[in-house]
Amino acid sequence: MLLAIASVLFAIFVTNVAIGSFGGSPFLGNVGEMLLLFAVSIAFVAAVLRGEADEKIRQEQR
């Protein structure tokens, strides 16, 4: 779930950058992009940590 959230947020960021690079008016400014990338980073790190915790639990059950 967290990895899906990170993917969706990153897709929003890429869309915003693509719109801006093709001459359109991006819907997020600099601060908005920074906050969006921060949210992507948090969601990605949380997903990785949760995956490692699940793997550790599986290893202990063996």
C-alpha atoms as a PDB file:
ATOM      1  CA  MET A   1       0.000   0.000   0.000  1.00  0.00           C
ATOM      2  CA  LEU A   2       2.754   2.441   0.920  1.00  0.00           C
ATOM      3  CA  LEU A   3       4.672   1.645  -2.237  1.00  0.00           C
ATOM      4  CA  ALA A   4       1.540   2.317  -4.288  1.00  0.00           C
ATOM      5  CA  ILE A   5       1.118   5.669  -2.541  1.00  0.00           C
ATOM      6  CA  ALA A   6       4.737   6.549  -3.289  1.00  0.00           C
ATOM      7  CA  SER A   7       4.259   5.554  -6.935  1.00  0.00           C
ATOM      8  CA  VAL A   8       1.120   7.661  -7.350  1.00  0.00           C
ATOM      9  CA  LEU A   9       2.720  10.692  -5.713  1.00  0.00           C
ATOM     10  CA  PHE A  10       5.806  10.331  -7.893  1.00  0.00           C
ATOM     11  CA  ALA A  11       3.616  10.064 -10.991  1.00  0.00           C
ATOM     12  CA  ILE A  12       1.957  13.342  -9.985  1.00  0.00           C
ATOM     13  CA  PHE A  13       5.399  14.932  -9.658  1.00  0.00           C
ATOM     14  CA  VAL A  14       6.531  13.639 -13.066  1.00  0.00           C
ATOM     15  CA  THR A  15       3.311  14.892 -14.656  1.00  0.00           C
ATOM     16  CA  ASN A  16       3.821  18.324 -13.120  1.00  0.00           C
ATOM     17  CA  VAL A  17       7.418  18.507 -14.374  1.00  0.00           C
ATOM     18  CA  ALA A  18       6.401  17.318 -17.853  1.00  0.00           C
ATOM     19  CA  ILE A  19       3.679  19.954 -18.087  1.00  0.00           C
ATOM     20  CA  GLY A  20       6.163  22.645 -17.080  1.00  0.00           C
ATOM     21  CA  SER A  21       8.843  21.468 -19.499  1.00  0.00           C
ATOM     22  CA  PHE A  22       6.462  21.508 -22.469  1.00  0.00           C
ATOM     23  CA  GLY A  23       5.602  25.146 -21.874  1.00  0.00           C
ATOM     24  CA  GLY A  24       2.430  24.702 -19.892  1.00  0.00           C
ATOM     25  CA  SER A  25       1.693  26.124 -16.493  1.00  0.00           C
ATOM     26  CA  PRO A  26       2.543  23.498 -13.851  1.00  0.00           C
ATOM     27  CA  PHE A  27      -0.065  23.093 -11.136  1.00  0.00           C
ATOM     28  CA  LEU A  28       2.548  22.946  -8.351  1.00  0.00           C
ATOM     29  CA  GLY A  29       5.140  25.564  -7.541  1.00  0.00           C
ATOM     30  CA  ASN A  30       8.615  25.002  -6.134  1.00  0.00           C
ATOM     31  CA  VAL A  31       7.418  24.525  -2.564  1.00  0.00           C
ATOM     32  CA  GLY A  32       4.642  22.199  -3.693  1.00  0.00           C
ATOM     33  CA  GLU A  33       7.104  20.071  -5.638  1.00  0.00           C
ATOM     34  CA  MET A  34       9.430  19.917  -2.647  1.00  0.00           C
ATOM     35  CA  LEU A  35       6.619  18.827  -0.324  1.00  0.00           C
ATOM     36  CA  LEU A  36       5.437  16.259  -2.856  1.00  0.00           C
ATOM     37  CA  LEU A  37       8.922  14.747  -3.184  1.00  0.00           C
ATOM     38  CA  PHE A  38       9.235  14.746   0.607  1.00  0.00           C
ATOM     39  CA  ALA A  39       5.969  12.786   0.851  1.00  0.00           C
ATOM     40  CA  VAL A  40       7.217  10.358  -1.827  1.00  0.00           C
ATOM     41  CA  SER A  41      10.439   9.817   0.124  1.00  0.00           C
ATOM     42  CA  ILE A  42       8.596   9.213   3.396  1.00  0.00           C
ATOM     43  CA  ALA A  43       6.172   6.733   1.808  1.00  0.00           C
ATOM     44  CA  PHE A  44       8.994   4.874   0.023  1.00  0.00           C
ATOM     45  CA  VAL A  45      11.156   4.593   3.143  1.00  0.00           C
ATOM     46  CA  ALA A  46       8.161   3.436   5.192  1.00  0.00           C
ATOM     47  CA  ALA A  47       7.397   0.766   2.570  1.00  0.00           C
ATOM     48  CA  VAL A  48      10.986  -0.488   2.587  1.00  0.00           C
ATOM     49  CA  LEU A  49      11.125  -0.583   6.389  1.00  0.00           C
ATOM     50  CA  ARG A  50       7.814  -2.421   6.579  1.00  0.00           C
ATOM     51  CA  GLY A  51       9.065  -4.954   4.028  1.00  0.00           C
ATOM     52  CA  GLU A  52      12.239  -5.546   6.017  1.00  0.00           C
ATOM     53  CA  ALA A  53      10.244  -5.968   9.236  1.00  0.00           C
ATOM     54  CA  ASP A  54       7.951  -8.506   7.554  1.00  0.00           C
ATOM     55  CA  GLU A  55      10.965 -10.400   6.229  1.00  0.00           C
ATOM     56  CA  LYS A  56      12.520 -10.470   9.698  1.00  0.00           C
ATOM     57  CA  ILE A  57       9.305 -11.873  11.162  1.00  0.00           C
ATOM     58  CA  ARG A  58       9.215 -14.569   8.451  1.00  0.00           C
ATOM     59  CA  GLN A  59      12.838 -15.495   9.206  1.00  0.00           C
ATOM     60  CA  GLU A  60      12.120 -15.794  12.934  1.00  0.00           C
ATOM     61  CA  GLN A  61       9.149 -18.098  12.322  1.00  0.00           C
ATOM     62  CA  ARG A  62      11.320 -20.661  10.515  1.00  0.00           C
END
